[in-house]
């Protein structure tokens, strides 16, 4: 796949290059080796924690990723928190108050999050809150604080302001999807026989809605939510480009432009590992939430 992106030698050597310079650098980087040999060498080094040297920066790829990783993880965490919190709350509200005017308004507005592409939502938010109102910054991460190897903007005022628009942009689609899923599942649960029996026993609506209905609603929701949270990190590349957020997504875009193959390969590996890890966590949570699975496993 990387062979179709371009030739990194073209970007690494200036116009004064000679054929001898091209051949020497190509041999030095191992680009003359057969494809399978290059792939094997990459895997052998990756197992040892060596992801190569960035063609653009001339530094170890691991070092470059570690510098950018905190920005992406903080953005993904805040976006996921926003999506889960408001998605579940709005989903529960629209399921309980299924015929209210506020429910119809929420469902109508949620179509924006489902229908509009992420980059367009980001541009609209920038125009409204950064250009017209001037409340929030339109790009960058703001001031950051160094805590060991981790850099965070969540401890400064400018950092908190800077993350609001990117987090909403990245999490809006997932939030609307979670909200509609929770609403659909909870509406089905509220019409089930054991909920009618609970009402016949005289249990309060609060107990029925939050102790019985919501708990059973979350069982199928967890799986879909986990997959969506994995996509937050993958789709962060678009949000980081729109807001010039200095994370690994923006690093990947720059790497594509400069044909920095080691960084591109490391980024794709990182996304794959994150998806696998999130799916594992989802499977564990599924067993914790659904006692039937624990009983079947014990038997």
Protein backbone atom coordinates (compact mmCIF):
# COMPACT_ATOMS: atom_id res chain seq x y z
CA UNK A 1 0.00 0.00 0.00
CA UNK A 2 2.79 2.40 0.90
CA UNK A 3 4.36 1.93 -2.53
CA UNK A 4 1.41 3.78 -4.08
CA UNK A 5 1.72 6.78 -1.73
CA UNK A 6 4.89 8.02 -3.37
CA UNK A 7 8.65 7.85 -3.22
CA UNK A 8 10.10 9.15 0.08
CA UNK A 9 13.44 9.77 -1.63
CA UNK A 10 11.87 12.59 -3.64
CA UNK A 11 11.06 14.49 -0.44
CA UNK A 12 14.26 13.68 1.43
CA UNK A 13 16.69 14.86 -1.26
CA UNK A 14 16.61 18.30 -2.82
CA UNK A 15 16.67 19.24 -6.47
CA UNK A 16 20.46 19.15 -6.49
CA UNK A 17 20.48 15.39 -5.94
CA UNK A 18 22.32 13.02 -8.22
CA UNK A 19 21.49 9.49 -9.24
CA UNK A 20 24.30 8.29 -6.98
CA UNK A 21 22.73 10.11 -4.00
CA UNK A 22 19.36 8.50 -4.75
CA UNK A 23 20.80 5.01 -4.99
CA UNK A 24 22.92 5.45 -1.86
CA UNK A 25 19.96 6.66 0.27
CA UNK A 26 17.63 4.02 -1.15
CA UNK A 27 20.12 1.31 -0.23
CA UNK A 28 20.68 2.86 3.21
CA UNK A 29 16.94 2.84 3.98
CA UNK A 30 16.48 -0.68 2.63
CA UNK A 31 14.01 0.45 -0.03
CA UNK A 32 15.81 -1.66 -2.63
CA UNK A 33 14.97 -4.85 -0.79
CA UNK A 34 12.05 -7.01 -1.97
CA UNK A 35 8.67 -6.16 -0.49
CA UNK A 36 8.43 -9.32 1.63
CA UNK A 37 11.91 -8.75 3.07
CA UNK A 38 11.02 -5.14 3.99
CA UNK A 39 7.85 -6.35 5.67
CA UNK A 40 9.68 -9.07 7.58
CA UNK A 41 12.34 -6.64 8.78
CA UNK A 42 9.62 -4.24 9.94
CA UNK A 43 7.81 -6.96 11.92
CA UNK A 44 11.04 -8.25 13.45
CA UNK A 45 11.97 -4.76 14.66
CA UNK A 46 8.41 -3.94 15.80
CA UNK A 47 8.32 -6.98 18.09
CA UNK A 48 11.39 -5.55 19.82
CA UNK A 49 9.75 -2.13 20.18
CA UNK A 50 11.69 -0.58 17.31
CA UNK A 51 9.33 1.03 14.79
CA UNK A 52 12.09 2.57 12.73
CA UNK A 53 13.34 6.09 12.10
CA UNK A 54 11.12 8.86 10.77
CA UNK A 55 12.19 9.78 7.23
CA UNK A 56 11.06 13.37 7.80
CA UNK A 57 12.38 14.10 11.29
CA UNK A 58 15.28 11.66 11.50
CA UNK A 59 14.18 10.55 14.97
CA UNK A 60 12.88 7.22 16.32
CA UNK A 61 9.21 6.79 15.46
CA UNK A 62 8.41 5.67 19.02
CA UNK A 63 9.77 8.96 20.33
CA UNK A 64 7.71 10.96 17.83
CA UNK A 65 4.51 9.04 18.69
CA UNK A 66 5.01 9.46 22.44
CA UNK A 67 5.22 13.22 21.97
CA UNK A 68 1.90 13.32 20.09
CA UNK A 69 0.06 10.55 21.91
CA UNK A 70 -1.15 12.54 24.98
CA UNK A 71 -2.98 15.05 22.79
CA UNK A 72 -4.89 12.34 20.91
CA UNK A 73 -5.71 10.28 24.00
CA UNK A 74 -6.99 13.33 25.91
CA UNK A 75 -9.16 14.35 22.97
CA UNK A 76 -10.49 10.80 22.59
CA UNK A 77 -11.17 10.52 26.34
CA UNK A 78 -13.09 13.80 26.56
CA UNK A 79 -15.02 12.97 23.36
CA UNK A 80 -15.91 9.49 24.66
CA UNK A 81 -17.00 10.94 28.02
CA UNK A 82 -19.18 13.49 26.23
CA UNK A 83 -20.68 10.85 23.93
CA UNK A 84 -21.44 8.32 26.67
CA UNK A 85 -22.71 10.77 29.29
CA UNK A 86 -25.03 12.78 27.06
CA UNK A 87 -25.90 9.81 24.86
CA UNK A 88 -27.16 7.73 27.79
CA UNK A 89 -28.87 10.66 29.55
CA UNK A 90 -30.68 11.87 26.43
CA UNK A 91 -31.51 8.32 25.38
CA UNK A 92 -33.09 7.55 28.76
CA UNK A 93 -35.00 10.85 28.78
CA UNK A 94 -36.40 10.43 25.27
CA UNK A 95 -37.44 6.85 26.08
CA UNK A 96 -39.24 7.82 29.29
CA UNK A 97 -40.76 11.03 27.87
CA UNK A 98 -41.42 9.59 24.44
CA UNK A 99 -44.18 12.03 23.43
CA UNK A 100 -42.95 15.34 24.85
CA UNK A 101 -42.08 18.37 22.73
CA UNK A 102 -38.56 18.41 24.14
CA UNK A 103 -38.08 14.79 23.02
CA UNK A 104 -39.14 15.68 19.49
CA UNK A 105 -36.72 18.62 19.53
CA UNK A 106 -33.84 16.43 20.76
CA UNK A 107 -34.52 13.79 18.11
CA UNK A 108 -34.71 16.43 15.40
CA UNK A 109 -31.45 18.08 16.44
CA UNK A 110 -29.78 14.67 16.72
CA UNK A 111 -30.27 14.22 12.99
CA UNK A 112 -27.58 16.87 12.54
CA UNK A 113 -25.04 14.75 14.37
CA UNK A 114 -25.94 11.66 12.34
CA UNK A 115 -26.23 13.30 8.93
CA UNK A 116 -23.46 15.91 8.71
CA UNK A 117 -19.85 14.80 8.15
CA UNK A 118 -17.38 15.43 10.96
CA UNK A 119 -15.31 18.03 9.14
CA UNK A 120 -18.41 20.10 8.31
CA UNK A 121 -19.57 20.03 11.95
CA UNK A 122 -16.12 21.23 12.99
CA UNK A 123 -16.16 24.08 10.48
CA UNK A 124 -19.63 25.18 11.59
CA UNK A 125 -18.59 25.17 15.26
CA UNK A 126 -15.47 27.17 14.44
CA UNK A 127 -17.53 29.72 12.52
CA UNK A 128 -20.08 30.11 15.31
CA UNK A 129 -18.04 29.95 18.51
CA UNK A 130 -14.61 31.13 17.31
CA UNK A 131 -15.31 33.55 14.46
CA UNK A 132 -18.71 35.06 15.26
CA UNK A 133 -18.85 34.84 19.08
CA UNK A 134 -15.12 34.67 19.81
CA UNK A 135 -15.66 32.49 22.85
CA UNK A 136 -13.35 29.59 22.02
CA UNK A 137 -10.11 29.12 20.04
CA UNK A 138 -10.32 27.67 16.56
CA UNK A 139 -7.05 25.71 16.49
CA UNK A 140 -4.24 24.37 18.64
CA UNK A 141 -4.14 22.79 22.05
CA UNK A 142 -3.64 25.86 24.24
CA UNK A 143 -1.15 25.98 27.11
CA UNK A 144 0.05 22.59 28.34
CA UNK A 145 1.62 21.30 31.54
CA UNK A 146 4.39 18.69 31.60
CA UNK A 147 3.83 15.79 34.02
CA UNK A 148 6.69 13.39 33.49
CA UNK A 149 6.53 12.33 29.82
CA UNK A 150 2.85 13.28 29.62
CA UNK A 151 1.76 16.72 28.46
CA UNK A 152 -1.76 17.81 29.37
CA UNK A 153 -3.87 20.83 28.58
CA UNK A 154 -6.61 19.89 31.03
CA UNK A 155 -4.90 21.77 33.85
CA UNK A 156 -4.90 25.18 32.15
CA UNK A 157 -7.75 27.51 31.22
CA UNK A 158 -6.64 27.90 27.61
CA UNK A 159 -6.18 24.12 27.32
CA UNK A 160 -9.71 23.46 28.57
CA UNK A 161 -11.14 26.02 26.17
CA UNK A 162 -9.16 24.58 23.27
CA UNK A 163 -10.47 21.04 23.72
CA UNK A 164 -14.18 21.91 23.83
CA UNK A 165 -14.85 22.33 20.11
CA UNK A 166 -12.71 19.36 18.94
CA UNK A 167 -14.28 17.10 21.60
CA UNK A 168 -17.83 18.04 20.57
CA UNK A 169 -16.96 17.61 16.89
CA UNK A 170 -15.42 14.20 17.43
CA UNK A 171 -18.02 12.90 19.88
CA UNK A 172 -21.24 14.27 18.36
CA UNK A 173 -21.83 11.40 15.93
CA UNK A 174 -21.14 8.78 18.59
CA UNK A 175 -23.34 10.65 21.08
CA UNK A 176 -26.34 10.71 18.75
CA UNK A 177 -25.82 7.06 17.85
CA UNK A 178 -25.64 6.01 21.52
CA UNK A 179 -28.68 8.16 22.33
CA UNK A 180 -30.82 6.57 19.63
CA UNK A 181 -29.64 3.09 20.56
CA UNK A 182 -30.39 3.62 24.26
CA UNK A 183 -33.78 5.09 23.42
CA UNK A 184 -34.68 2.17 21.15
CA UNK A 185 -33.52 -0.52 23.58
CA UNK A 186 -35.06 1.12 26.64
CA UNK A 187 -38.41 1.69 24.90
CA UNK A 188 -38.49 -2.03 24.11
CA UNK A 189 -37.58 -2.95 27.69
CA UNK A 190 -40.23 -0.62 29.15
CA UNK A 191 -42.89 -2.47 27.16
CA UNK A 192 -41.77 -5.91 28.35
CA UNK A 193 -43.79 -8.14 30.67
CA UNK A 194 -41.51 -7.97 33.70
CA UNK A 195 -41.74 -4.15 33.70
CA UNK A 196 -45.54 -4.41 33.73
CA UNK A 197 -45.23 -6.86 36.61
CA UNK A 198 -42.96 -4.43 38.46
CA UNK A 199 -45.56 -1.69 38.06
CA UNK A 200 -48.27 -4.07 39.28
CA UNK A 201 -46.21 -4.69 42.43
CA UNK A 202 -46.33 -0.97 43.14
CA UNK A 203 -42.67 -0.15 42.53
CA UNK A 204 -41.91 3.52 41.90
CA UNK A 205 -41.26 4.74 38.37
CA UNK A 206 -37.76 5.81 39.42
CA UNK A 207 -36.92 2.28 40.57
CA UNK A 208 -38.43 0.72 37.46
CA UNK A 209 -36.70 3.07 35.04
CA UNK A 210 -33.22 3.16 36.53
CA UNK A 211 -32.85 -0.08 38.49
CA UNK A 212 -34.59 -2.51 36.16
CA UNK A 213 -35.05 -1.00 32.69
CA UNK A 214 -31.77 0.88 32.35
CA UNK A 215 -29.65 -2.02 33.61
CA UNK A 216 -31.10 -4.39 31.02
CA UNK A 217 -30.84 -1.72 28.35
CA UNK A 218 -27.08 -1.38 28.82
CA UNK A 219 -26.33 -5.02 27.99
CA UNK A 220 -26.67 -4.72 24.18
CA UNK A 221 -25.62 -1.06 24.21
CA UNK A 222 -22.16 -1.83 25.63
CA UNK A 223 -21.06 -3.75 22.54
CA UNK A 224 -22.04 -1.04 20.07
CA UNK A 225 -20.67 1.68 22.34
CA UNK A 226 -17.32 -0.06 22.63
CA UNK A 227 -16.95 -0.30 18.87
CA UNK A 228 -17.89 3.36 18.51
CA UNK A 229 -15.33 4.41 21.10
CA UNK A 230 -12.70 2.58 19.08
CA UNK A 231 -13.72 4.55 16.02
CA UNK A 232 -13.28 7.80 17.96
CA UNK A 233 -9.51 7.32 17.91
CA UNK A 234 -9.56 6.33 14.24
CA UNK A 235 -11.77 9.29 13.23
CA UNK A 236 -9.72 11.71 15.32
CA UNK A 237 -7.58 12.16 12.22
CA UNK A 238 -10.31 14.32 10.62
CA UNK A 239 -10.96 16.40 13.73
CA UNK A 240 -7.26 16.94 14.38
CA UNK A 241 -6.82 18.15 10.80
CA UNK A 242 -9.71 20.63 11.03
CA UNK A 243 -8.59 22.07 14.38
CA UNK A 244 -4.83 21.57 13.82
CA UNK A 245 -4.80 19.50 17.00
CA UNK A 246 -1.21 18.29 17.57
CA UNK A 247 -2.00 14.58 17.94
CA UNK A 248 -1.06 11.40 16.12
CA UNK A 249 -3.88 11.89 13.60
CA UNK A 250 -2.42 15.15 12.35
CA UNK A 251 1.01 13.50 12.44
CA UNK A 252 -0.31 10.78 10.12
CA UNK A 253 -1.64 13.36 7.63
CA UNK A 254 1.73 15.12 7.59
CA UNK A 255 3.42 11.74 7.15
CA UNK A 256 1.28 10.95 4.11
CA UNK A 257 2.22 14.27 2.50
CA UNK A 258 5.93 13.63 3.10
CA UNK A 259 5.71 9.86 2.44
CA UNK A 260 7.10 9.12 5.91
CA UNK A 261 6.45 5.38 5.72
CA UNK A 262 7.71 4.36 9.21
CA UNK A 263 5.37 6.86 10.90
CA UNK A 264 2.45 5.81 8.71
CA UNK A 265 2.99 2.14 9.52
CA UNK A 266 3.36 2.83 13.25
CA UNK A 267 0.13 4.86 13.29
CA UNK A 268 -1.85 2.09 11.60
CA UNK A 269 -0.44 -0.43 14.08
CA UNK A 270 -1.41 1.84 16.97
CA UNK A 271 -5.01 2.13 15.73
CA UNK A 272 -5.21 -1.65 15.33
CA UNK A 273 -3.91 -2.28 18.85
CA UNK A 274 -6.39 0.23 20.28
CA UNK A 275 -9.33 -1.48 18.53
CA UNK A 276 -8.27 -4.88 19.84
CA UNK A 277 -7.79 -3.54 23.38
CA UNK A 278 -11.17 -1.79 23.40
CA UNK A 279 -12.93 -4.91 22.11
CA UNK A 280 -11.31 -6.92 24.91
CA UNK A 281 -12.50 -4.41 27.51
CA UNK A 282 -16.01 -4.51 26.02
CA UNK A 283 -16.12 -8.31 26.28
CA UNK A 284 -15.07 -8.11 29.94
CA UNK A 285 -17.69 -5.45 30.71
CA UNK A 286 -20.32 -7.51 28.92
CA UNK A 287 -19.74 -10.39 31.35
CA UNK A 288 -19.79 -8.03 34.35
CA UNK A 289 -23.08 -6.39 33.35
CA UNK A 290 -24.92 -9.54 32.22
CA UNK A 291 -25.04 -12.08 35.09
CA UNK A 292 -26.36 -14.76 32.72
CA UNK A 293 -22.97 -14.98 31.04
CA UNK A 294 -21.27 -15.50 34.41
CA UNK A 295 -23.70 -18.30 35.25
CA UNK A 296 -23.14 -19.99 31.87
CA UNK A 297 -19.38 -19.71 32.31
CA UNK A 298 -19.57 -21.26 35.77
CA UNK A 299 -21.60 -24.16 34.45
